[in-house]
Protein backbone atom coordinates (compact mmCIF):
# COMPACT_ATOMS: atom_id res chain seq x y z
CA UNK A 1 -5.19 -53.58 130.75
CA UNK A 2 -4.84 -55.53 133.73
CA UNK A 3 -3.09 -58.87 134.07
CA UNK A 4 -6.44 -60.55 133.90
CA UNK A 5 -7.15 -59.19 130.57
CA UNK A 6 -3.19 -59.57 128.85
CA UNK A 7 -3.44 -63.80 130.17
CA UNK A 8 -6.97 -64.45 128.57
CA UNK A 9 -6.16 -62.69 125.57
CA UNK A 10 -2.74 -64.87 125.39
CA UNK A 11 -4.08 -67.27 125.75
CA UNK A 12 -7.08 -66.70 123.02
CA UNK A 13 -4.47 -66.18 120.57
CA UNK A 14 -2.80 -69.54 121.61
CA UNK A 15 -5.53 -71.07 121.05
CA UNK A 16 -6.33 -69.40 118.03
CA UNK A 17 -2.53 -69.88 117.29
CA UNK A 18 -3.45 -73.41 117.78
CA UNK A 19 -6.83 -73.63 116.11
CA UNK A 20 -4.94 -72.25 113.07
CA UNK A 21 -2.14 -74.80 113.06
CA UNK A 22 -4.70 -77.98 112.95
CA UNK A 23 -6.38 -76.26 110.23
CA UNK A 24 -3.58 -75.78 108.15
CA UNK A 25 -2.04 -79.31 108.79
CA UNK A 26 -5.83 -80.98 108.17
CA UNK A 27 -5.74 -79.31 104.50
CA UNK A 28 -1.89 -80.16 104.20
CA UNK A 29 -3.37 -84.47 104.60
CA UNK A 30 -5.89 -83.33 102.44
CA UNK A 31 -4.34 -81.85 99.66
CA UNK A 32 -2.15 -84.96 99.69
CA UNK A 33 -4.25 -87.66 99.86
CA UNK A 34 -6.25 -85.91 97.47
CA UNK A 35 -2.77 -85.56 95.35
CA UNK A 36 -2.16 -89.53 96.09
CA UNK A 37 -5.45 -90.42 94.49
CA UNK A 38 -4.75 -88.84 91.40
CA UNK A 39 -1.80 -90.51 90.98
CA UNK A 40 -2.24 -93.96 91.75
CA UNK A 41 -5.15 -95.21 90.74
CA UNK A 42 -6.25 -95.75 87.07
CA UNK A 43 -7.94 -93.27 85.44
CA UNK A 44 -11.16 -94.50 84.17
CA UNK A 45 -12.14 -93.30 80.77
CA UNK A 46 -15.57 -90.59 80.77
CA UNK A 47 -16.59 -92.69 77.21
CA UNK A 48 -17.14 -95.68 76.12
CA UNK A 49 -14.88 -97.18 73.29
CA UNK A 50 -15.95 -99.92 71.39
CA UNK A 51 -13.20 -101.12 69.68
CA UNK A 52 -11.41 -103.31 72.30
CA UNK A 53 -8.16 -101.96 73.25
CA UNK A 54 -6.62 -105.38 72.87
CA UNK A 55 -7.35 -108.46 71.55
CA UNK A 56 -5.82 -111.54 73.31
CA UNK A 57 -5.90 -114.02 70.22
CA UNK A 58 -3.03 -116.63 68.79
CA UNK A 59 -2.18 -113.90 66.84
CA UNK A 60 -1.55 -111.59 69.25
CA UNK A 61 0.45 -114.04 71.29
CA UNK A 62 2.21 -115.54 68.74
CA UNK A 63 4.10 -111.79 68.03
CA UNK A 64 4.04 -111.27 72.46
CA UNK A 65 6.02 -114.82 72.06
CA UNK A 66 8.32 -113.69 68.64
CA UNK A 67 9.34 -110.09 70.04
CA UNK A 68 10.59 -112.18 73.84
CA UNK A 69 12.32 -114.72 71.91
CA UNK A 70 14.27 -111.51 70.27
CA UNK A 71 13.41 -112.39 66.16
CA UNK A 72 12.82 -109.04 64.62
CA UNK A 73 9.30 -109.37 62.26
CA UNK A 74 7.46 -107.13 60.68
CA UNK A 75 4.39 -108.46 59.88
CA UNK A 76 2.70 -111.64 60.85
CA UNK A 77 -0.33 -113.51 58.25
CA UNK A 78 -2.46 -116.27 59.75
CA UNK A 79 -3.55 -119.11 57.11
CA UNK A 80 -5.97 -121.87 57.14
CA UNK A 81 -4.47 -124.26 57.06
CA UNK A 82 -3.27 -123.48 60.93
CA UNK A 83 0.08 -121.68 60.32
CA UNK A 84 1.60 -118.68 60.27
CA UNK A 85 3.61 -116.97 57.81
CA UNK A 86 5.67 -114.96 59.44
CA UNK A 87 8.81 -111.85 57.49
CA UNK A 88 11.41 -111.09 58.97
CA UNK A 89 13.27 -107.65 59.03
CA UNK A 90 15.63 -109.10 57.93
CA UNK A 91 13.78 -109.68 54.89
CA UNK A 92 13.67 -113.56 54.78
CA UNK A 93 10.17 -115.59 55.37
CA UNK A 94 9.14 -118.01 57.77
CA UNK A 95 6.04 -120.09 57.94
CA UNK A 96 5.15 -122.19 61.63
CA UNK A 97 2.13 -124.73 62.38
CA UNK A 98 0.02 -124.87 64.83
CA UNK A 99 0.20 -128.45 64.78
CA UNK A 100 3.90 -128.62 66.77
CA UNK A 101 4.43 -127.25 69.44
CA UNK A 102 4.95 -123.20 68.91
CA UNK A 103 8.04 -122.99 71.69
CA UNK A 104 9.89 -125.42 70.06
CA UNK A 105 9.76 -123.80 66.60
CA UNK A 106 10.42 -120.20 67.61
CA UNK A 107 13.41 -122.26 69.45
CA UNK A 108 14.33 -123.70 66.49
CA UNK A 109 14.21 -120.58 64.74
CA UNK A 110 16.68 -118.51 66.78
CA UNK A 111 19.00 -121.43 66.44
CA UNK A 112 19.12 -121.27 62.68
CA UNK A 113 19.11 -117.10 62.47
CA UNK A 114 22.01 -117.36 65.01
CA UNK A 115 23.69 -120.23 62.73
CA UNK A 116 23.01 -117.85 58.86
CA UNK A 117 23.96 -114.83 60.76
CA UNK A 118 27.47 -116.55 62.12
CA UNK A 119 27.63 -117.80 58.40
CA UNK A 120 27.03 -114.19 56.64
CA UNK A 121 23.94 -116.42 54.83
CA UNK A 122 20.35 -114.91 54.18
CA UNK A 123 17.45 -116.89 53.16
CA UNK A 124 14.51 -116.97 51.03
CA UNK A 125 12.28 -118.95 53.54
CA UNK A 126 12.10 -121.33 56.43
CA UNK A 127 9.17 -123.83 56.86
CA UNK A 128 8.62 -125.49 59.90
CA UNK A 129 5.75 -127.42 58.41
CA UNK A 130 7.62 -130.09 58.32
CA UNK A 131 9.81 -133.46 60.04
CA UNK A 132 13.22 -131.32 59.78
CA UNK A 133 13.15 -127.48 59.24
CA UNK A 134 13.12 -126.76 55.31
CA UNK A 135 15.45 -123.72 53.92
CA UNK A 136 15.93 -121.96 50.45
CA UNK A 137 18.24 -119.32 49.65
């Protein structure tokens, strides 16, 4: 084989290697882009669910505010007189009203719960509908 043919053959193999490396590099890049889309884009559901995922009612807002304040509760019921009956996990019942600032009532509830815990007392009900909270043991 002549030197000229060897150079042509060598150049062809170099171009083929470069082409294959470019092809593999683009394939790897496409895979990375595809996987990043799969991981970071929110997944859409294939079917429309007739039930709402979450409700942003005052009821759920009350539960969120209680959780943020660190008050452990088991259930919340809403009465017709614009008040909430909250059953605590410790067994007490708390009545909050919408007619006053709810966040202030929750802060007062935290304070009362901490004081009663320090004193070792348990209450049956705690009512915030009046001017001053009414505690019954």
